[in-house]
Amino acid sequence: MHSATPVFTSRRSAAIRVAAKVDSPEALDAVLQLTEIDLPRDLPSGYAVVEIRSAGVNPSDVRAVLGDMPHAVWPRTPGRDYAGVVVEGPQQLLGREVWGSGGDLGIRRDGTHARHLVLPAANLPQKPAGITLAEAGGVGVPFITAYEGLREAGPMRCGDVVLVLGANGKVGQATIQLATAAGARVFGVERTPERYSCPAMGEVTIFGASEGDIAERVRDATDGHGADIVFNAVGSPYFEAACRAMAIGGRQILISTIERVVPFRSTAATGQQCSMLCVRVLREAPCAPSRCRRPIFIRSPARPRPTGRSWPALESASFSTHAIGDIGSAAFEL
């Protein structure tokens, strides 16, 4: 049962627009602006209008704005994650709090960094009651990426050793929450030995990358066993150490890299029967974050960490600085 039916009459909606591809973040101010866009006067059958309440800002959003994502089009509105309320469309959906992520949003078509978004009604899963709209807007890309990587790596068993490189990034945090929920023994690596700053369903040991050899420390802590799964959310800086840290039959998951070409010494994992997996989460249609273990958001404390930034922050010409500076944060609250 929904509360009072929303009233939605305006056919104009505020949105961030990127007009053209640029070569550097410094050039974004010339092509990025807050403007108004027209919504369809006659909503197509089977579609709905969502009033966006929060929208995630992810590294892929910034790469798409800079033109690094394949098949990106211009001009467009960026953004891939969202949470909001249905304000127009099928009667049974009006007033429903929904969330979603990914697909071609913000890359091949207008995305979520707007006041309103038109989407197929069939792709509007209801937001779990256990998380707020601000939190839900930051779930999508980080948790789907983490879930898909762990799924592709094969079954994660209770007691497995999981090493997360880039532990306090959003994908790293999501991986840690999923891994600890499954009963894994989790180690994380950050540039400095900072405290792990997100919820977890088990103990998390953090190593500082500057405090010694990562692979040796993992093996020392696991009586020589090593990591059954290495989730490398950073890429090239940790790649060799990740190879040496893997247990026999271990799997390394790569989702990103700093250097486009990553050197690989075959001797780093000789005799370990290891696997390398690359994760791609760009889909043709928006998908529901609920597919990445929806119960974890209903019966447990799993959640992203919202920034609490508000819509006026997006009105400034320095949005590019906000987006890049807050790239590890979960969501803008609109």
C-alpha atoms as a PDB file:
ATOM      1  CA  MET A   1       0.000   0.000   0.000  1.00  0.00           C
ATOM      2  CA  HIS A   2       1.485   3.329  -1.073  1.00  0.00           C
ATOM      3  CA  SER A   3       1.053   6.713   0.522  1.00  0.00           C
ATOM      4  CA  ALA A   4      -0.697   9.590  -1.266  1.00  0.00           C
ATOM      5  CA  THR A   5      -0.402   9.360  -5.057  1.00  0.00           C
ATOM      6  CA  PRO A   6       2.295  11.781  -6.270  1.00  0.00           C
ATOM      7  CA  VAL A   7       1.225  14.690  -8.437  1.00  0.00           C
ATOM      8  CA  PHE A   8       3.507  15.177 -11.448  1.00  0.00           C
ATOM      9  CA  THR A   9       2.611  17.776 -14.038  1.00  0.00           C
ATOM     10  CA  SER A  10       5.862  19.410 -15.204  1.00  0.00           C
ATOM     11  CA  ARG A  11       7.375  18.253 -18.506  1.00  0.00           C
ATOM     12  CA  ARG A  12      10.714  19.953 -17.786  1.00  0.00           C
ATOM     13  CA  SER A  13      13.390  18.409 -15.592  1.00  0.00           C
ATOM     14  CA  ALA A  14      16.771  19.579 -14.295  1.00  0.00           C
ATOM     15  CA  ALA A  15      19.727  17.495 -15.440  1.00  0.00           C
ATOM     16  CA  ILE A  16      23.482  17.561 -15.742  1.00  0.00           C
ATOM     17  CA  ARG A  17      24.555  17.478 -19.401  1.00  0.00           C
ATOM     18  CA  VAL A  18      27.934  16.743 -20.932  1.00  0.00           C
ATOM     19  CA  ALA A  19      28.073  18.245 -24.409  1.00  0.00           C
ATOM     20  CA  ALA A  20      31.169  16.621 -25.903  1.00  0.00           C
ATOM     21  CA  LYS A  21      34.152  14.394 -25.265  1.00  0.00           C
ATOM     22  CA  VAL A  22      37.149  16.047 -23.602  1.00  0.00           C
ATOM     23  CA  ASP A  23      40.735  14.961 -23.141  1.00  0.00           C
ATOM     24  CA  SER A  24      41.227  15.822 -19.461  1.00  0.00           C
ATOM     25  CA  PRO A  25      39.291  16.583 -16.269  1.00  0.00           C
ATOM     26  CA  GLU A  26      40.491  20.187 -16.450  1.00  0.00           C
ATOM     27  CA  ALA A  27      38.483  20.667 -19.654  1.00  0.00           C
ATOM     28  CA  LEU A  28      35.186  19.437 -18.195  1.00  0.00           C
ATOM     29  CA  ASP A  29      33.891  22.835 -17.106  1.00  0.00           C
ATOM     30  CA  ALA A  30      33.589  23.842 -20.756  1.00  0.00           C
ATOM     31  CA  VAL A  31      31.252  20.956 -21.646  1.00  0.00           C
ATOM     32  CA  LEU A  32      29.465  20.143 -18.364  1.00  0.00           C
ATOM     33  CA  GLN A  33      26.434  22.155 -17.310  1.00  0.00           C
ATOM     34  CA  LEU A  34      23.238  22.031 -15.307  1.00  0.00           C
ATOM     35  CA  THR A  35      20.288  22.545 -17.610  1.00  0.00           C
ATOM     36  CA  GLU A  36      16.656  21.591 -18.171  1.00  0.00           C
ATOM     37  CA  ILE A  37      15.545  18.798 -20.483  1.00  0.00           C
ATOM     38  CA  ASP A  38      12.136  17.939 -21.922  1.00  0.00           C
ATOM     39  CA  LEU A  39      10.311  14.857 -20.736  1.00  0.00           C
ATOM     40  CA  PRO A  40       7.991  13.102 -23.209  1.00  0.00           C
ATOM     41  CA  ARG A  41       4.531  14.678 -23.230  1.00  0.00           C
ATOM     42  CA  ASP A  42       2.958  11.327 -23.966  1.00  0.00           C
ATOM     43  CA  LEU A  43       4.660   8.666 -21.871  1.00  0.00           C
ATOM     44  CA  PRO A  44       5.062   5.485 -23.950  1.00  0.00           C
ATOM     45  CA  SER A  45       3.083   2.466 -22.823  1.00  0.00           C
ATOM     46  CA  GLY A  46       5.039   0.315 -20.390  1.00  0.00           C
ATOM     47  CA  TYR A  47       7.261   3.181 -19.185  1.00  0.00           C
ATOM     48  CA  ALA A  48       7.386   5.181 -15.963  1.00  0.00           C
ATOM     49  CA  VAL A  49       8.901   8.433 -14.703  1.00  0.00           C
ATOM     50  CA  VAL A  50      11.085   8.174 -11.592  1.00  0.00           C
ATOM     51  CA  GLU A  51      11.840  11.228  -9.467  1.00  0.00           C
ATOM     52  CA  ILE A  52      15.496  10.690  -8.552  1.00  0.00           C
ATOM     53  CA  ARG A  53      16.267  11.106  -4.844  1.00  0.00           C
ATOM     54  CA  SER A  54      19.893   9.918  -4.906  1.00  0.00           C
ATOM     55  CA  ALA A  55      22.350   8.983  -7.650  1.00  0.00           C
ATOM     56  CA  GLY A  56      25.702   7.263  -7.320  1.00  0.00           C
ATOM     57  CA  VAL A  57      28.944   8.735  -8.657  1.00  0.00           C
ATOM     58  CA  ASN A  58      31.286   5.932  -9.728  1.00  0.00           C
ATOM     59  CA  PRO A  59      34.667   5.792 -11.477  1.00  0.00           C
ATOM     60  CA  SER A  60      32.864   4.532 -14.593  1.00  0.00           C
ATOM     61  CA  ASP A  61      30.748   7.713 -14.603  1.00  0.00           C
ATOM     62  CA  VAL A  62      33.866   9.869 -14.724  1.00  0.00           C
ATOM     63  CA  ARG A  63      35.470   7.660 -17.388  1.00  0.00           C
ATOM     64  CA  ALA A  64      32.287   7.872 -19.455  1.00  0.00           C
ATOM     65  CA  VAL A  65      32.256  11.675 -19.198  1.00  0.00           C
ATOM     66  CA  LEU A  66      35.901  11.743 -20.306  1.00  0.00           C
ATOM     67  CA  GLY A  67      35.094   9.474 -23.263  1.00  0.00           C
ATOM     68  CA  ASP A  68      36.935   6.382 -22.031  1.00  0.00           C
ATOM     69  CA  MET A  69      33.879   4.090 -22.067  1.00  0.00           C
ATOM     70  CA  PRO A  70      33.045   2.281 -25.328  1.00  0.00           C
ATOM     71  CA  HIS A  71      29.941   3.319 -27.270  1.00  0.00           C
ATOM     72  CA  ALA A  72      29.400   6.525 -25.235  1.00  0.00           C
ATOM     73  CA  VAL A  73      27.289   9.159 -26.975  1.00  0.00           C
ATOM     74  CA  TRP A  74      27.153  12.963 -26.706  1.00  0.00           C
ATOM     75  CA  PRO A  75      25.407  15.049 -25.569  1.00  0.00           C
ATOM     76  CA  ARG A  76      23.995  13.071 -22.661  1.00  0.00           C
ATOM     77  CA  THR A  77      23.318  13.041 -18.920  1.00  0.00           C
ATOM     78  CA  PRO A  78      25.815  10.895 -16.961  1.00  0.00           C
ATOM     79  CA  GLY A  79      25.063   8.527 -14.077  1.00  0.00           C
ATOM     80  CA  ARG A  80      24.388   4.791 -13.766  1.00  0.00           C
ATOM     81  CA  ASP A  81      22.942   4.248 -10.251  1.00  0.00           C
ATOM     82  CA  TYR A  82      19.776   5.703  -8.758  1.00  0.00           C
ATOM     83  CA  ALA A  83      17.053   5.482  -6.150  1.00  0.00           C
ATOM     84  CA  GLY A  84      13.806   7.390  -6.278  1.00  0.00           C
ATOM     85  CA  VAL A  85      10.012   7.424  -6.348  1.00  0.00           C
ATOM     86  CA  VAL A  86       7.726   6.598  -9.285  1.00  0.00           C
ATOM     87  CA  VAL A  87       5.671   9.713 -10.108  1.00  0.00           C
ATOM     88  CA  GLU A  88       4.119   8.753 -13.452  1.00  0.00           C
ATOM     89  CA  GLY A  89       3.332   5.481 -15.162  1.00  0.00           C
ATOM     90  CA  PRO A  90       1.335   2.345 -14.325  1.00  0.00           C
ATOM     91  CA  GLN A  91      -1.091   3.016 -11.484  1.00  0.00           C
ATOM     92  CA  GLN A  92       0.209   0.142  -9.357  1.00  0.00           C
ATOM     93  CA  LEU A  93       3.715   1.670  -9.334  1.00  0.00           C
ATOM     94  CA  LEU A  94       2.843   5.247  -8.370  1.00  0.00           C
ATOM     95  CA  GLY A  95       4.517   6.225  -5.111  1.00  0.00           C
ATOM     96  CA  ARG A  96       6.743   3.151  -5.045  1.00  0.00           C
ATOM     97  CA  GLU A  97      10.328   3.648  -3.883  1.00  0.00           C
ATOM     98  CA  VAL A  98      12.566   1.996  -6.484  1.00  0.00           C
ATOM     99  CA  TRP A  99      16.254   1.532  -7.251  1.00  0.00           C
ATOM    100  CA  GLY A 100      18.338   0.449 -10.186  1.00  0.00           C
ATOM    101  CA  SER A 101      21.684   0.482 -11.903  1.00  0.00           C
ATOM    102  CA  GLY A 102      23.817  -0.036 -14.940  1.00  0.00           C
ATOM    103  CA  GLY A 103      22.793  -1.093 -18.378  1.00  0.00           C
ATOM    104  CA  ASP A 104      23.325   1.653 -20.928  1.00  0.00           C
ATOM    105  CA  LEU A 105      22.340   4.398 -18.472  1.00  0.00           C
ATOM    106  CA  GLY A 106      24.730   7.334 -18.611  1.00  0.00           C
ATOM    107  CA  ILE A 107      26.708   5.853 -21.501  1.00  0.00           C
ATOM    108  CA  ARG A 108      24.517   5.075 -24.518  1.00  0.00           C
ATOM    109  CA  ARG A 109      21.538   7.051 -23.229  1.00  0.00           C
ATOM    110  CA  ASP A 110      20.733   9.724 -20.658  1.00  0.00           C
ATOM    111  CA  GLY A 111      21.587   8.627 -17.141  1.00  0.00           C
ATOM    112  CA  THR A 112      20.678   9.231 -13.535  1.00  0.00           C
ATOM    113  CA  HIS A 113      22.291  12.597 -12.705  1.00  0.00           C
ATOM    114  CA  ALA A 114      18.973  14.333 -13.242  1.00  0.00           C
ATOM    115  CA  ARG A 115      15.795  15.174 -11.377  1.00  0.00           C
ATOM    116  CA  HIS A 116      13.702  12.689 -13.376  1.00  0.00           C
ATOM    117  CA  LEU A 117      14.378   9.537 -15.377  1.00  0.00           C
ATOM    118  CA  VAL A 118      12.146   7.674 -17.855  1.00  0.00           C
ATOM    119  CA  LEU A 119      12.574   3.899 -17.627  1.00  0.00           C
ATOM    120  CA  PRO A 120      10.721   0.696 -18.601  1.00  0.00           C
ATOM    121  CA  ALA A 121       8.273  -0.076 -15.815  1.00  0.00           C
ATOM    122  CA  ALA A 122       9.389  -3.712 -15.827  1.00  0.00           C
ATOM    123  CA  ASN A 123      12.909  -2.611 -14.757  1.00  0.00           C
ATOM    124  CA  LEU A 124      11.847  -0.863 -11.545  1.00  0.00           C
ATOM    125  CA  PRO A 125      12.452  -3.145  -8.546  1.00  0.00           C
ATOM    126  CA  GLN A 126      11.132  -1.974  -5.213  1.00  0.00           C
ATOM    127  CA  LYS A 127      13.760  -0.659  -2.792  1.00  0.00           C
ATOM    128  CA  PRO A 128      14.210  -2.836   0.321  1.00  0.00           C
ATOM    129  CA  ALA A 129      12.780  -1.202   3.418  1.00  0.00           C
ATOM    130  CA  GLY A 130      16.016  -1.790   5.352  1.00  0.00           C
ATOM    131  CA  ILE A 131      18.028   0.884   3.509  1.00  0.00           C
ATOM    132  CA  THR A 132      17.313   4.541   2.872  1.00  0.00           C
ATOM    133  CA  LEU A 133      16.901   6.164  -0.523  1.00  0.00           C
ATOM    134  CA  ALA A 134      20.254   7.915  -0.027  1.00  0.00           C
ATOM    135  CA  GLU A 135      21.954   4.567   0.604  1.00  0.00           C
ATOM    136  CA  ALA A 136      20.118   2.746  -2.188  1.00  0.00           C
ATOM    137  CA  GLY A 137      21.430   5.222  -4.773  1.00  0.00           C
ATOM    138  CA  GLY A 138      24.979   4.057  -4.068  1.00  0.00           C
ATOM    139  CA  VAL A 139      24.427   0.290  -4.130  1.00  0.00           C
ATOM    140  CA  GLY A 140      24.302  -0.515  -7.836  1.00  0.00           C
ATOM    141  CA  VAL A 141      27.640  -0.488  -9.655  1.00  0.00           C
ATOM    142  CA  PRO A 142      29.827  -1.276  -6.588  1.00  0.00           C
ATOM    143  CA  PHE A 143      27.753  -4.223  -5.358  1.00  0.00           C
ATOM    144  CA  ILE A 144      26.912  -5.634  -8.788  1.00  0.00           C
ATOM    145  CA  THR A 145      30.601  -5.490  -9.741  1.00  0.00           C
ATOM    146  CA  ALA A 146      31.589  -7.236  -6.505  1.00  0.00           C
ATOM    147  CA  TYR A 147      28.865  -9.854  -6.836  1.00  0.00           C
ATOM    148  CA  GLU A 148      29.598 -10.609 -10.501  1.00  0.00           C
ATOM    149  CA  GLY A 149      33.322 -10.945  -9.785  1.00  0.00           C
ATOM    150  CA  LEU A 150      32.790 -13.357  -6.900  1.00  0.00           C
ATOM    151  CA  ARG A 151      30.221 -15.314  -8.907  1.00  0.00           C
ATOM    152  CA  GLU A 152      32.549 -15.649 -11.902  1.00  0.00           C
ATOM    153  CA  ALA A 153      35.355 -16.772  -9.577  1.00  0.00           C
ATOM    154  CA  GLY A 154      33.312 -19.791  -8.578  1.00  0.00           C
ATOM    155  CA  PRO A 155      31.647 -20.755  -5.325  1.00  0.00           C
ATOM    156  CA  MET A 156      32.986 -18.918  -2.285  1.00  0.00           C
ATOM    157  CA  ARG A 157      32.976 -21.272   0.682  1.00  0.00           C
ATOM    158  CA  CYS A 158      32.907 -20.549   4.390  1.00  0.00           C
ATOM    159  CA  GLY A 159      36.508 -20.308   5.568  1.00  0.00           C
ATOM    160  CA  ASP A 160      37.965 -19.305   2.187  1.00  0.00           C
ATOM    161  CA  VAL A 161      40.690 -16.668   2.330  1.00  0.00           C
ATOM    162  CA  VAL A 162      39.712 -13.555   0.377  1.00  0.00           C
ATOM    163  CA  LEU A 163      42.189 -10.749  -0.274  1.00  0.00           C
ATOM    164  CA  VAL A 164      40.678  -7.399  -1.346  1.00  0.00           C
ATOM    165  CA  LEU A 165      43.049  -4.899  -2.959  1.00  0.00           C
ATOM    166  CA  GLY A 166      41.585  -1.407  -2.622  1.00  0.00           C
ATOM    167  CA  ALA A 167      39.586  -2.348   0.444  1.00  0.00           C
ATOM    168  CA  ASN A 168      38.165   1.080   1.266  1.00  0.00           C
ATOM    169  CA  GLY A 169      36.991   1.833  -2.258  1.00  0.00           C
ATOM    170  CA  LYS A 170      33.316   1.276  -2.990  1.00  0.00           C
ATOM    171  CA  VAL A 171      33.778  -2.019  -4.855  1.00  0.00           C
ATOM    172  CA  GLY A 172      36.257  -3.123  -2.201  1.00  0.00           C
ATOM    173  CA  GLN A 173      33.762  -2.373   0.557  1.00  0.00           C
ATOM    174  CA  ALA A 174      31.010  -4.239  -1.285  1.00  0.00           C
ATOM    175  CA  THR A 175      33.309  -7.245  -1.807  1.00  0.00           C
ATOM    176  CA  ILE A 176      34.221  -7.308   1.873  1.00  0.00           C
ATOM    177  CA  GLN A 177      30.570  -7.234   2.921  1.00  0.00           C
ATOM    178  CA  LEU A 178      29.636 -10.071   0.555  1.00  0.00           C
ATOM    179  CA  ALA A 179      32.690 -12.125   1.512  1.00  0.00           C
ATOM    180  CA  THR A 180      32.256 -11.750   5.276  1.00  0.00           C
ATOM    181  CA  ALA A 181      28.549 -12.558   4.902  1.00  0.00           C
ATOM    182  CA  ALA A 182      29.588 -15.836   3.253  1.00  0.00           C
ATOM    183  CA  GLY A 183      31.877 -16.668   6.164  1.00  0.00           C
ATOM    184  CA  ALA A 184      35.185 -15.990   4.393  1.00  0.00           C
ATOM    185  CA  ARG A 185      38.346 -14.913   6.166  1.00  0.00           C
ATOM    186  CA  VAL A 186      39.008 -11.456   4.722  1.00  0.00           C
ATOM    187  CA  PHE A 187      42.182  -9.421   4.331  1.00  0.00           C
ATOM    188  CA  GLY A 188      42.219  -5.964   2.783  1.00  0.00           C
ATOM    189  CA  VAL A 189      45.018  -3.800   1.394  1.00  0.00           C
ATOM    190  CA  GLU A 190      45.155  -0.026   1.272  1.00  0.00           C
ATOM    191  CA  ARG A 191      48.034   2.364   0.576  1.00  0.00           C
ATOM    192  CA  THR A 192      48.220   3.087   4.296  1.00  0.00           C
ATOM    193  CA  PRO A 193      47.073   0.843   7.179  1.00  0.00           C
ATOM    194  CA  GLU A 194      43.890   2.837   7.715  1.00  0.00           C
ATOM    195  CA  ARG A 195      40.933   1.469   9.592  1.00  0.00           C
ATOM    196  CA  TYR A 196      38.318  -0.348   7.535  1.00  0.00           C
ATOM    197  CA  SER A 197      35.440   2.136   7.499  1.00  0.00           C
ATOM    198  CA  CYS A 198      32.365   0.234   6.314  1.00  0.00           C
ATOM    199  CA  PRO A 199      30.084  -2.417   7.845  1.00  0.00           C
ATOM    200  CA  ALA A 200      31.146  -6.048   7.677  1.00  0.00           C
ATOM    201  CA  MET A 201      29.685  -9.321   8.901  1.00  0.00           C
ATOM    202  CA  GLY A 202      33.027 -10.583  10.188  1.00  0.00           C
ATOM    203  CA  GLU A 203      36.561  -9.588  11.059  1.00  0.00           C
ATOM    204  CA  VAL A 204      38.590  -7.708   8.429  1.00  0.00           C
ATOM    205  CA  THR A 205      42.389  -7.419   8.656  1.00  0.00           C
ATOM    206  CA  ILE A 206      43.834  -4.399   6.831  1.00  0.00           C
ATOM    207  CA  PHE A 207      47.438  -4.278   5.584  1.00  0.00           C
ATOM    208  CA  GLY A 208      49.191  -1.113   4.456  1.00  0.00           C
ATOM    209  CA  ALA A 209      50.797  -1.515   1.033  1.00  0.00           C
ATOM    210  CA  SER A 210      53.881   0.343   2.261  1.00  0.00           C
ATOM    211  CA  GLU A 211      54.379  -1.911   5.287  1.00  0.00           C
ATOM    212  CA  GLY A 212      56.050  -4.846   3.587  1.00  0.00           C
ATOM    213  CA  ASP A 213      55.459  -7.508   0.971  1.00  0.00           C
ATOM    214  CA  ILE A 214      51.703  -8.094   0.611  1.00  0.00           C
ATOM    215  CA  ALA A 215      52.023 -11.694  -0.559  1.00  0.00           C
ATOM    216  CA  GLU A 216      54.364 -12.624   2.294  1.00  0.00           C
ATOM    217  CA  ARG A 217      52.078 -11.043   4.877  1.00  0.00           C
ATOM    218  CA  VAL A 218      49.032 -12.909   3.569  1.00  0.00           C
ATOM    219  CA  ARG A 219      50.911 -16.209   3.539  1.00  0.00           C
ATOM    220  CA  ASP A 220      52.305 -15.608   7.042  1.00  0.00           C
ATOM    221  CA  ALA A 221      48.775 -14.886   8.327  1.00  0.00           C
ATOM    222  CA  THR A 222      47.348 -18.045   6.712  1.00  0.00           C
ATOM    223  CA  ASP A 223      50.108 -20.513   7.629  1.00  0.00           C
ATOM    224  CA  GLY A 224      51.444 -20.480   4.085  1.00  0.00           C
ATOM    225  CA  HIS A 225      48.088 -21.142   2.399  1.00  0.00           C
ATOM    226  CA  GLY A 226      47.594 -17.788   0.629  1.00  0.00           C
ATOM    227  CA  ALA A 227      44.398 -16.310  -0.793  1.00  0.00           C
ATOM    228  CA  ASP A 228      41.762 -18.478  -2.447  1.00  0.00           C
ATOM    229  CA  ILE A 229      40.279 -15.370  -4.060  1.00  0.00           C
ATOM    230  CA  VAL A 230      42.048 -12.081  -4.771  1.00  0.00           C
ATOM    231  CA  PHE A 231      39.692  -9.253  -5.713  1.00  0.00           C
ATOM    232  CA  ASN A 232      41.955  -6.676  -7.368  1.00  0.00           C
ATOM    233  CA  ALA A 233      39.993  -3.426  -7.552  1.00  0.00           C
ATOM    234  CA  VAL A 234      43.124  -1.360  -8.285  1.00  0.00           C
ATOM    235  CA  GLY A 235      44.855  -3.306 -11.039  1.00  0.00           C
ATOM    236  CA  SER A 236      48.455  -2.916 -12.162  1.00  0.00           C
ATOM    237  CA  PRO A 237      50.092  -1.623  -8.944  1.00  0.00           C
ATOM    238  CA  TYR A 238      49.109  -4.798  -7.072  1.00  0.00           C
ATOM    239  CA  PHE A 239      48.999  -7.321  -9.913  1.00  0.00           C
ATOM    240  CA  GLU A 240      52.312  -9.119  -9.309  1.00  0.00           C
ATOM    241  CA  ALA A 241      51.847  -9.231  -5.529  1.00  0.00           C
ATOM    242  CA  ALA A 242      48.322 -10.579  -6.082  1.00  0.00           C
ATOM    243  CA  CYS A 243      49.697 -13.388  -8.252  1.00  0.00           C
ATOM    244  CA  ARG A 244      52.214 -14.359  -5.559  1.00  0.00           C
ATOM    245  CA  ALA A 245      49.572 -14.183  -2.831  1.00  0.00           C
ATOM    246  CA  MET A 246      47.240 -16.711  -4.460  1.00  0.00           C
ATOM    247  CA  ALA A 247      46.815 -20.164  -2.989  1.00  0.00           C
ATOM    248  CA  ILE A 248      47.001 -23.263  -5.174  1.00  0.00           C
ATOM    249  CA  GLY A 249      43.910 -23.087  -7.370  1.00  0.00           C
ATOM    250  CA  GLY A 250      43.420 -19.430  -6.446  1.00  0.00           C
ATOM    251  CA  ARG A 251      41.518 -16.910  -8.568  1.00  0.00           C
ATOM    252  CA  GLN A 252      42.363 -13.262  -9.183  1.00  0.00           C
ATOM    253  CA  ILE A 253      39.512 -10.949 -10.223  1.00  0.00           C
ATOM    254  CA  LEU A 254      40.422  -7.772 -12.121  1.00  0.00           C
ATOM    255  CA  ILE A 255      37.902  -4.963 -12.566  1.00  0.00           C
ATOM    256  CA  SER A 256      40.165  -2.035 -13.419  1.00  0.00           C
ATOM    257  CA  THR A 257      43.760  -1.009 -13.925  1.00  0.00           C
ATOM    258  CA  ILE A 258      45.842   2.135 -13.914  1.00  0.00           C
ATOM    259  CA  GLU A 259      48.307   1.030 -16.604  1.00  0.00           C
ATOM    260  CA  ARG A 260      46.551  -0.127 -19.788  1.00  0.00           C
ATOM    261  CA  VAL A 261      49.246  -2.759 -20.403  1.00  0.00           C
ATOM    262  CA  VAL A 262      49.989  -4.885 -17.332  1.00  0.00           C
ATOM    263  CA  PRO A 263      53.265  -6.895 -17.472  1.00  0.00           C
ATOM    264  CA  PHE A 264      52.870 -10.486 -16.348  1.00  0.00           C
ATOM    265  CA  ARG A 265      55.686 -12.785 -15.250  1.00  0.00           C
ATOM    266  CA  SER A 266      54.566 -16.371 -15.660  1.00  0.00           C
ATOM    267  CA  THR A 267      56.879 -17.419 -12.832  1.00  0.00           C
ATOM    268  CA  ALA A 268      54.865 -15.310 -10.348  1.00  0.00           C
ATOM    269  CA  ALA A 269      52.219 -18.033 -10.083  1.00  0.00           C
ATOM    270  CA  THR A 270      54.090 -21.052 -11.462  1.00  0.00           C
ATOM    271  CA  GLY A 271      52.645 -24.362 -10.292  1.00  0.00           C
ATOM    272  CA  GLN A 272      49.705 -22.739  -8.494  1.00  0.00           C
ATOM    273  CA  GLN A 273      46.995 -23.646 -11.049  1.00  0.00           C
ATOM    274  CA  CYS A 274      45.554 -20.138 -10.765  1.00  0.00           C
ATOM    275  CA  SER A 275      42.886 -18.341 -12.793  1.00  0.00           C
ATOM    276  CA  MET A 276      42.565 -14.712 -13.907  1.00  0.00           C
ATOM    277  CA  LEU A 277      39.113 -13.214 -14.385  1.00  0.00           C
ATOM    278  CA  CYS A 278      38.115  -9.835 -15.818  1.00  0.00           C
ATOM    279  CA  VAL A 279      34.688  -8.456 -14.932  1.00  0.00           C
ATOM    280  CA  ARG A 280      32.557  -6.340 -17.263  1.00  0.00           C
ATOM    281  CA  VAL A 281      29.221  -5.075 -15.924  1.00  0.00           C
ATOM    282  CA  LEU A 282      28.048  -2.940 -18.851  1.00  0.00           C
ATOM    283  CA  ARG A 283      24.667  -4.369 -19.873  1.00  0.00           C
ATOM    284  CA  GLU A 284      22.152  -3.533 -22.548  1.00  0.00           C
ATOM    285  CA  ALA A 285      19.298  -2.867 -20.121  1.00  0.00           C
ATOM    286  CA  PRO A 286      19.223  -1.445 -16.588  1.00  0.00           C
ATOM    287  CA  CYS A 287      19.456  -4.210 -14.017  1.00  0.00           C
ATOM    288  CA  ALA A 288      18.321  -4.419 -10.436  1.00  0.00           C
ATOM    289  CA  PRO A 289      20.835  -4.287  -7.589  1.00  0.00           C
ATOM    290  CA  SER A 290      18.507  -6.842  -6.007  1.00  0.00           C
ATOM    291  CA  ARG A 291      20.081  -9.538  -8.166  1.00  0.00           C
ATOM    292  CA  CYS A 292      23.287  -9.264  -6.109  1.00  0.00           C
ATOM    293  CA  ARG A 293      22.013 -11.116  -3.087  1.00  0.00           C
ATOM    294  CA  ARG A 294      19.032  -8.921  -2.271  1.00  0.00           C
ATOM    295  CA  PRO A 295      18.586 -10.594   1.155  1.00  0.00           C
ATOM    296  CA  ILE A 296      21.871  -9.035   2.290  1.00  0.00           C
ATOM    297  CA  PHE A 297      20.096  -5.658   2.237  1.00  0.00           C
ATOM    298  CA  ILE A 298      17.025  -6.979   4.043  1.00  0.00           C
ATOM    299  CA  ARG A 299      18.326  -9.107   6.905  1.00  0.00           C
ATOM    300  CA  SER A 300      21.795  -7.667   7.566  1.00  0.00           C
ATOM    301  CA  PRO A 301      23.645  -4.361   8.082  1.00  0.00           C
ATOM    302  CA  ALA A 302      25.107  -4.347   4.544  1.00  0.00           C
ATOM    303  CA  ARG A 303      24.978  -0.880   3.022  1.00  0.00           C
ATOM    304  CA  PRO A 304      27.055   1.676   1.143  1.00  0.00           C
ATOM    305  CA  ARG A 305      28.150   4.924   2.754  1.00  0.00           C
ATOM    306  CA  PRO A 306      26.297   7.963   1.296  1.00  0.00           C
ATOM    307  CA  THR A 307      28.038  11.317   1.045  1.00  0.00           C
ATOM    308  CA  GLY A 308      25.068  13.436   2.012  1.00  0.00           C
ATOM    309  CA  ARG A 309      25.851  15.978  -0.723  1.00  0.00           C
ATOM    310  CA  SER A 310      22.753  17.771  -1.936  1.00  0.00           C
ATOM    311  CA  TRP A 311      21.391  18.985  -5.272  1.00  0.00           C
ATOM    312  CA  PRO A 312      22.799  22.545  -4.882  1.00  0.00           C
ATOM    313  CA  ALA A 313      26.303  21.022  -4.959  1.00  0.00           C
ATOM    314  CA  LEU A 314      25.584  19.885  -8.486  1.00  0.00           C
ATOM    315  CA  GLU A 315      24.627  23.381  -9.571  1.00  0.00           C
ATOM    316  CA  SER A 316      28.131  24.731  -9.254  1.00  0.00           C
ATOM    317  CA  ALA A 317      30.493  24.855 -12.209  1.00  0.00           C
ATOM    318  CA  SER A 318      32.911  22.737 -10.192  1.00  0.00           C
ATOM    319  CA  PHE A 319      30.814  19.581 -10.472  1.00  0.00           C
ATOM    320  CA  SER A 320      33.732  17.936 -12.254  1.00  0.00           C
ATOM    321  CA  THR A 321      35.840  18.487  -9.143  1.00  0.00           C
ATOM    322  CA  HIS A 322      33.075  17.060  -6.929  1.00  0.00           C
ATOM    323  CA  ALA A 323      32.729  13.981  -9.126  1.00  0.00           C
ATOM    324  CA  ILE A 324      36.425  13.217  -9.297  1.00  0.00           C
ATOM    325  CA  GLY A 325      37.190  14.193  -5.723  1.00  0.00           C
ATOM    326  CA  ASP A 326      34.332  12.103  -4.334  1.00  0.00           C
ATOM    327  CA  ILE A 327      34.888   9.162  -6.612  1.00  0.00           C
ATOM    328  CA  GLY A 328      35.130   6.794  -3.651  1.00  0.00           C
ATOM    329  CA  SER A 329      31.859   8.012  -2.156  1.00  0.00           C
ATOM    330  CA  ALA A 330      28.529   6.414  -2.633  1.00  0.00           C
ATOM    331  CA  ALA A 331      25.928   8.901  -3.775  1.00  0.00           C
ATOM    332  CA  PHE A 332      24.727  12.412  -4.236  1.00  0.00           C
ATOM    333  CA  GLU A 333      21.443  12.934  -2.407  1.00  0.00           C
ATOM    334  CA  LEU A 334      19.202  14.920  -4.713  1.00  0.00           C
END
